[in-house]
């Protein structure tokens, strides 16, 4: 790894934007984002209607009916902002051109329809959605992009040789403490 940075905007910000913009509880906003969310508008979005339960209302009859284009109109600007921040950070680092023409999207929001295409357009690079390497002992649900960063860090910690523990550590602390110490040092150096 040559350079690492992070942008503190992600899928939760999109969910919050949906909840505020449509006056719906966070749980419903997350569900709408997952089921109907898209990063790019399509011609059918104006015709397709979505039920939006309102904050404080208990019955489904009081739900608003909005076109899917309204949901896309909330999601797309937030993703554009995120990709602009990524592009600016890459350029400011000096590694923007050296990094090549490929980008890997990770995280739950990478699963949104059109996210890959929007990122490719905004970053002017080839973009793919990261899928974690299957690790034994993890649930099937951890196989998507939402868990790819965690899975990669776990796999990395298993590939590197263990460090010797410092003097004075007993055998039990030496085995576990070295791994955690090495992982903590890697996080400090790269983030």
Protein backbone atom coordinates (compact mmCIF):
# COMPACT_ATOMS: atom_id res chain seq x y z
CA UNK A 1 0.00 0.00 0.00
CA UNK A 2 1.33 3.40 -0.96
CA UNK A 3 -1.41 5.72 0.30
CA UNK A 4 -4.61 5.40 2.30
CA UNK A 5 -7.26 7.94 3.22
CA UNK A 6 -10.88 7.90 4.27
CA UNK A 7 -13.90 10.11 3.69
CA UNK A 8 -16.32 10.14 6.59
CA UNK A 9 -19.43 10.09 4.42
CA UNK A 10 -21.25 6.89 3.57
CA UNK A 11 -24.51 5.02 3.37
CA UNK A 12 -25.74 6.23 6.77
CA UNK A 13 -25.62 9.81 5.50
CA UNK A 14 -27.80 8.80 2.55
CA UNK A 15 -30.27 7.14 4.91
CA UNK A 16 -30.39 10.26 7.10
CA UNK A 17 -30.98 12.44 4.02
CA UNK A 18 -33.89 10.21 2.96
CA UNK A 19 -35.39 10.24 6.46
CA UNK A 20 -35.21 14.02 6.70
CA UNK A 21 -36.23 14.74 3.13
CA UNK A 22 -39.26 12.47 3.17
CA UNK A 23 -40.19 12.82 6.89
CA UNK A 24 -39.99 9.10 7.49
CA UNK A 25 -38.38 7.08 10.31
CA UNK A 26 -34.77 5.93 9.82
CA UNK A 27 -35.79 2.26 9.60
CA UNK A 28 -38.15 3.00 6.70
CA UNK A 29 -35.57 5.25 5.03
CA UNK A 30 -33.00 2.42 5.14
CA UNK A 31 -35.55 -0.03 3.73
CA UNK A 32 -36.48 2.33 0.87
CA UNK A 33 -32.80 2.94 0.08
CA UNK A 34 -32.13 -0.79 -0.03
CA UNK A 35 -35.22 -1.79 -2.03
CA UNK A 36 -35.78 1.17 -4.36
CA UNK A 37 -32.64 3.31 -4.15
CA UNK A 38 -30.61 4.18 -7.23
CA UNK A 39 -27.69 6.48 -7.92
CA UNK A 40 -28.85 7.24 -11.46
CA UNK A 41 -32.27 8.25 -12.72
CA UNK A 42 -34.14 6.10 -15.21
CA UNK A 43 -37.13 7.01 -17.42
CA UNK A 44 -39.50 4.77 -15.44
CA UNK A 45 -38.74 6.52 -12.12
CA UNK A 46 -41.47 9.13 -12.64
CA UNK A 47 -44.15 6.47 -13.11
CA UNK A 48 -43.12 4.08 -10.31
CA UNK A 49 -44.67 5.10 -6.99
CA UNK A 50 -43.28 4.30 -3.52
CA UNK A 51 -45.19 4.31 -0.23
CA UNK A 52 -43.44 6.46 2.38
CA UNK A 53 -44.65 5.96 5.96
CA UNK A 54 -44.64 9.28 7.82
CA UNK A 55 -43.03 9.91 11.20
CA UNK A 56 -45.55 9.39 13.99
CA UNK A 57 -48.19 7.70 11.81
CA UNK A 58 -49.09 4.09 12.60
CA UNK A 59 -51.42 3.13 9.78
CA UNK A 60 -50.42 2.48 6.19
CA UNK A 61 -53.32 4.61 4.86
CA UNK A 62 -51.54 7.79 5.99
CA UNK A 63 -48.40 7.01 3.98
CA UNK A 64 -47.37 9.41 1.24
CA UNK A 65 -47.02 8.11 -2.29
CA UNK A 66 -44.03 9.58 -4.07
CA UNK A 67 -42.40 8.86 -7.42
CA UNK A 68 -39.20 6.84 -7.26
CA UNK A 69 -37.46 9.78 -8.98
CA UNK A 70 -37.84 11.75 -5.74
CA UNK A 71 -35.84 9.10 -3.86
CA UNK A 72 -33.17 9.10 -6.58
CA UNK A 73 -33.11 12.90 -6.34
CA UNK A 74 -32.04 12.57 -2.70
CA UNK A 75 -29.51 9.75 -3.19
CA UNK A 76 -27.68 10.99 -6.29
CA UNK A 77 -26.46 14.36 -4.94
CA UNK A 78 -25.07 12.75 -1.77
CA UNK A 79 -23.18 10.12 -3.78
CA UNK A 80 -21.89 12.81 -6.14
CA UNK A 81 -20.63 14.78 -3.13
CA UNK A 82 -18.91 11.67 -1.77
CA UNK A 83 -17.19 10.88 -5.07
CA UNK A 84 -16.12 14.53 -5.45
CA UNK A 85 -14.48 14.36 -2.01
CA UNK A 86 -12.71 11.13 -2.98
CA UNK A 87 -11.51 12.67 -6.24
CA UNK A 88 -10.27 15.80 -4.47
CA UNK A 89 -8.44 13.77 -1.81
CA UNK A 90 -6.76 11.63 -4.44
CA UNK A 91 -5.60 14.70 -6.36
CA UNK A 92 -4.42 16.47 -3.20
CA UNK A 93 -2.40 13.43 -2.14
CA UNK A 94 -0.30 13.49 -5.28
CA UNK A 95 -1.14 9.85 -5.97
CA UNK A 96 -4.21 10.53 -8.10
CA UNK A 97 -2.38 9.90 -11.36
CA UNK A 98 0.02 7.32 -9.95
CA UNK A 99 -2.81 5.18 -8.57
CA UNK A 100 -3.75 4.06 -12.04
CA UNK A 101 -7.13 3.87 -13.64
CA UNK A 102 -8.86 1.42 -11.31
CA UNK A 103 -10.98 1.99 -8.21
CA UNK A 104 -12.71 -0.54 -5.97
CA UNK A 105 -15.93 0.50 -4.19
CA UNK A 106 -16.65 -1.09 -0.84
CA UNK A 107 -19.35 -0.62 1.74
CA UNK A 108 -23.08 -1.16 1.73
CA UNK A 109 -23.84 1.89 -0.42
CA UNK A 110 -21.71 0.39 -3.20
CA UNK A 111 -24.63 -2.00 -3.78
CA UNK A 112 -26.96 0.82 -4.87
CA UNK A 113 -28.03 0.55 -8.50
CA UNK A 114 -25.86 2.83 -10.60
CA UNK A 115 -23.27 3.56 -7.88
CA UNK A 116 -20.48 1.95 -9.90
CA UNK A 117 -21.42 3.86 -13.06
CA UNK A 118 -21.70 7.17 -11.20
CA UNK A 119 -18.30 6.62 -9.55
CA UNK A 120 -16.72 5.81 -12.93
CA UNK A 121 -18.11 9.02 -14.40
CA UNK A 122 -17.15 11.21 -11.43
CA UNK A 123 -13.66 9.76 -10.88
CA UNK A 124 -12.84 9.13 -14.56
CA UNK A 125 -11.57 5.65 -13.69
CA UNK A 126 -12.58 2.03 -14.13
CA UNK A 127 -14.65 1.05 -11.10
CA UNK A 128 -15.62 -2.31 -9.71
CA UNK A 129 -17.52 -3.29 -6.58
CA UNK A 130 -15.38 -5.16 -4.06
CA UNK A 131 -16.49 -8.56 -2.86
CA UNK A 132 -14.75 -10.03 0.18
CA UNK A 133 -12.73 -13.16 -0.02
CA UNK A 134 -14.69 -15.89 1.70
CA UNK A 135 -13.34 -16.46 5.16
CA UNK A 136 -14.21 -19.67 6.96
CA UNK A 137 -16.40 -19.31 10.00
CA UNK A 138 -18.28 -16.21 8.84
CA UNK A 139 -21.99 -16.11 8.00
CA UNK A 140 -23.17 -16.10 4.38
CA UNK A 141 -24.55 -12.59 4.85
CA UNK A 142 -20.98 -11.27 5.17
CA UNK A 143 -20.24 -12.00 1.51
CA UNK A 144 -21.32 -8.61 0.13
CA UNK A 145 -19.51 -5.31 -0.36
CA UNK A 146 -20.66 -4.04 3.04
CA UNK A 147 -18.17 -6.41 4.69
CA UNK A 148 -15.32 -6.34 2.16
CA UNK A 149 -13.11 -3.93 4.11
CA UNK A 150 -13.47 -5.90 7.36
CA UNK A 151 -12.87 -9.19 5.56
CA UNK A 152 -9.77 -7.76 3.87
CA UNK A 153 -8.35 -6.56 7.18
CA UNK A 154 -8.98 -9.96 8.74
CA UNK A 155 -7.34 -11.73 5.81
CA UNK A 156 -4.36 -9.37 5.95
CA UNK A 157 -3.85 -10.06 9.65
CA UNK A 158 -3.68 -13.79 8.90
CA UNK A 159 -1.17 -13.48 6.05
CA UNK A 160 1.49 -11.43 7.88
CA UNK A 161 3.73 -13.32 10.30
CA UNK A 162 3.11 -12.79 13.97
CA UNK A 163 5.38 -10.35 15.79
CA UNK A 164 7.32 -11.45 18.80
CA UNK A 165 5.83 -10.13 22.00
CA UNK A 166 7.80 -7.77 24.20
CA UNK A 167 9.74 -9.00 27.19
CA UNK A 168 7.71 -9.68 30.31
CA UNK A 169 4.64 -10.97 28.44
CA UNK A 170 3.48 -14.45 29.36
CA UNK A 171 2.82 -17.00 26.63
CA UNK A 172 -0.94 -16.33 26.52
CA UNK A 173 -0.51 -12.60 26.04
CA UNK A 174 2.28 -13.05 23.51
CA UNK A 175 0.11 -14.94 21.02
CA UNK A 176 -2.91 -12.62 21.13
CA UNK A 177 -1.22 -9.37 22.12
CA UNK A 178 1.19 -9.39 19.16
CA UNK A 179 -1.63 -9.71 16.63
CA UNK A 180 -3.66 -6.91 18.17
CA UNK A 181 -0.59 -4.71 18.61
CA UNK A 182 0.41 -5.26 14.96
CA UNK A 183 -3.14 -4.56 13.76
CA UNK A 184 -3.33 -1.39 15.89
CA UNK A 185 0.02 -0.17 14.53
CA UNK A 186 -1.14 -0.87 10.94
CA UNK A 187 -4.32 1.18 11.53
CA UNK A 188 -2.30 4.08 12.99
CA UNK A 189 0.13 4.07 10.07
CA UNK A 190 -2.53 3.85 7.37
CA UNK A 191 -5.36 5.94 8.75
